[in-house]
Amino acid sequence: MAINIPADLLNKLAAQLNEQLTGGALPPIEEMEKILRALLQSAVSRLDLVNRSEFDAQCKVLARTRERLEQAEQQLATLGQTPRH
């Protein structure tokens, strides 16, 4: 599954990375990892994401709501078929 990251966020991330890496020689790999982790964490925190447990909970709520809607539709159909006196 691909994550659709907004272009402006990627541009900001690239600009921040460029800012961190300007000034001559590249930093050691460990420092590069720290910089990239911090920048990526910052970028991901700006995305509108939910964790897995929140997603699963909302799926359960949606499933219960669908069941209730189907029951209400069946009751409505039954009432519509009942002859009136």
C-alpha atoms as a PDB file:
ATOM      1  CA  MET A   1       0.000   0.000   0.000  1.00  0.00           C
ATOM      2  CA  ALA A   2       1.446   3.332  -1.054  1.00  0.00           C
ATOM      3  CA  ILE A   3       1.221   6.384   1.175  1.00  0.00           C
ATOM      4  CA  ASN A   4       0.283   9.544  -0.648  1.00  0.00           C
ATOM      5  CA  ILE A   5       2.495  12.248   0.871  1.00  0.00           C
ATOM      6  CA  PRO A   6       1.587  15.827  -0.089  1.00  0.00           C
ATOM      7  CA  ALA A   7       4.110  17.482  -2.420  1.00  0.00           C
ATOM      8  CA  ASP A   8       4.527  20.527  -0.169  1.00  0.00           C
ATOM      9  CA  LEU A   9       5.499  18.273   2.727  1.00  0.00           C
ATOM     10  CA  LEU A  10       8.094  16.512   0.578  1.00  0.00           C
ATOM     11  CA  ASN A  11       9.438  19.881  -0.581  1.00  0.00           C
ATOM     12  CA  LYS A  12       9.776  21.058   3.031  1.00  0.00           C
ATOM     13  CA  LEU A  13      11.485  17.807   3.974  1.00  0.00           C
ATOM     14  CA  ALA A  14      13.935  18.145   1.067  1.00  0.00           C
ATOM     15  CA  ALA A  15      14.641  21.768   1.998  1.00  0.00           C
ATOM     16  CA  GLN A  16      15.292  20.833   5.639  1.00  0.00           C
ATOM     17  CA  LEU A  17      17.572  17.988   4.581  1.00  0.00           C
ATOM     18  CA  ASN A  18      19.463  20.272   2.210  1.00  0.00           C
ATOM     19  CA  GLU A  19      19.818  22.829   5.017  1.00  0.00           C
ATOM     20  CA  GLN A  20      21.239  20.187   7.354  1.00  0.00           C
ATOM     21  CA  LEU A  21      23.714  18.915   4.773  1.00  0.00           C
ATOM     22  CA  THR A  22      25.049  22.220   3.422  1.00  0.00           C
ATOM     23  CA  GLY A  23      28.390  23.456   4.579  1.00  0.00           C
ATOM     24  CA  GLY A  24      30.942  21.173   3.043  1.00  0.00           C
ATOM     25  CA  ALA A  25      31.734  17.591   3.952  1.00  0.00           C
ATOM     26  CA  LEU A  26      28.994  15.126   4.673  1.00  0.00           C
ATOM     27  CA  PRO A  27      28.485  14.217   8.328  1.00  0.00           C
ATOM     28  CA  PRO A  28      29.222  10.678   9.535  1.00  0.00           C
ATOM     29  CA  ILE A  29      26.616   8.046   8.691  1.00  0.00           C
ATOM     30  CA  GLU A  30      25.348   7.946  12.287  1.00  0.00           C
ATOM     31  CA  GLU A  31      24.699  11.702  12.198  1.00  0.00           C
ATOM     32  CA  MET A  32      22.983  11.356   8.806  1.00  0.00           C
ATOM     33  CA  GLU A  33      20.712   8.683  10.279  1.00  0.00           C
ATOM     34  CA  LYS A  34      19.794  10.954  13.193  1.00  0.00           C
ATOM     35  CA  ILE A  35      19.018  13.839  10.838  1.00  0.00           C
ATOM     36  CA  LEU A  36      16.930  11.679   8.512  1.00  0.00           C
ATOM     37  CA  ARG A  37      15.045  10.050  11.383  1.00  0.00           C
ATOM     38  CA  ALA A  38      14.212  13.437  12.889  1.00  0.00           C
ATOM     39  CA  LEU A  39      13.104  14.867   9.558  1.00  0.00           C
ATOM     40  CA  LEU A  40      11.004  11.828   8.682  1.00  0.00           C
ATOM     41  CA  GLN A  41       9.428  11.734  12.152  1.00  0.00           C
ATOM     42  CA  SER A  42       8.534  15.381  11.762  1.00  0.00           C
ATOM     43  CA  ALA A  43       7.038  14.760   8.310  1.00  0.00           C
ATOM     44  CA  VAL A  44       5.027  11.715   9.430  1.00  0.00           C
ATOM     45  CA  SER A  45       3.681  13.550  12.476  1.00  0.00           C
ATOM     46  CA  ARG A  46       2.188  16.165  10.132  1.00  0.00           C
ATOM     47  CA  LEU A  47       0.231  13.540   8.197  1.00  0.00           C
ATOM     48  CA  ASP A  48      -3.345  12.803   9.175  1.00  0.00           C
ATOM     49  CA  LEU A  49      -2.795   9.201  10.312  1.00  0.00           C
ATOM     50  CA  VAL A  50      -4.323   6.918  12.919  1.00  0.00           C
ATOM     51  CA  ASN A  51      -2.722   3.929  14.563  1.00  0.00           C
ATOM     52  CA  ARG A  52      -3.863   0.390  13.873  1.00  0.00           C
ATOM     53  CA  SER A  53      -5.911  -0.050  17.047  1.00  0.00           C
ATOM     54  CA  GLU A  54      -7.876   3.159  16.332  1.00  0.00           C
ATOM     55  CA  PHE A  55      -8.476   1.985  12.764  1.00  0.00           C
ATOM     56  CA  ASP A  56      -9.665  -1.445  13.933  1.00  0.00           C
ATOM     57  CA  ALA A  57     -11.982   0.129  16.510  1.00  0.00           C
ATOM     58  CA  GLN A  58     -13.544   2.358  13.853  1.00  0.00           C
ATOM     59  CA  CYS A  59     -14.001  -0.653  11.548  1.00  0.00           C
ATOM     60  CA  LYS A  60     -15.944  -2.418  14.310  1.00  0.00           C
ATOM     61  CA  VAL A  61     -18.118   0.662  14.862  1.00  0.00           C
ATOM     62  CA  LEU A  62     -18.769   0.866  11.129  1.00  0.00           C
ATOM     63  CA  ALA A  63     -19.704  -2.836  10.957  1.00  0.00           C
ATOM     64  CA  ARG A  64     -22.185  -2.460  13.851  1.00  0.00           C
ATOM     65  CA  THR A  65     -23.657   0.644  12.232  1.00  0.00           C
ATOM     66  CA  ARG A  66     -24.126  -1.221   8.943  1.00  0.00           C
ATOM     67  CA  GLU A  67     -25.875  -4.064  10.753  1.00  0.00           C
ATOM     68  CA  ARG A  68     -28.238  -1.635  12.475  1.00  0.00           C
ATOM     69  CA  LEU A  69     -28.941   0.133   9.191  1.00  0.00           C
ATOM     70  CA  GLU A  70     -29.766  -3.169   7.486  1.00  0.00           C
ATOM     71  CA  GLN A  71     -32.098  -4.099  10.369  1.00  0.00           C
ATOM     72  CA  ALA A  72     -33.819  -0.707  10.166  1.00  0.00           C
ATOM     73  CA  GLU A  73     -34.212  -1.079   6.385  1.00  0.00           C
ATOM     74  CA  GLN A  74     -35.767  -4.532   6.861  1.00  0.00           C
ATOM     75  CA  GLN A  75     -38.164  -3.200   9.499  1.00  0.00           C
ATOM     76  CA  LEU A  76     -39.123  -0.307   7.242  1.00  0.00           C
ATOM     77  CA  ALA A  77     -39.722  -2.658   4.334  1.00  0.00           C
ATOM     78  CA  THR A  78     -41.878  -4.889   6.568  1.00  0.00           C
ATOM     79  CA  LEU A  79     -43.906  -1.899   7.729  1.00  0.00           C
ATOM     80  CA  GLY A  80     -44.359  -0.798   4.138  1.00  0.00           C
ATOM     81  CA  GLN A  81     -45.749  -4.220   3.213  1.00  0.00           C
ATOM     82  CA  THR A  82     -48.207  -4.390   6.119  1.00  0.00           C
ATOM     83  CA  PRO A  83     -51.736  -3.561   4.920  1.00  0.00           C
ATOM     84  CA  ARG A  84     -53.396  -0.664   6.699  1.00  0.00           C
ATOM     85  CA  HIS A  85     -56.943  -0.938   8.015  1.00  0.00           C
END
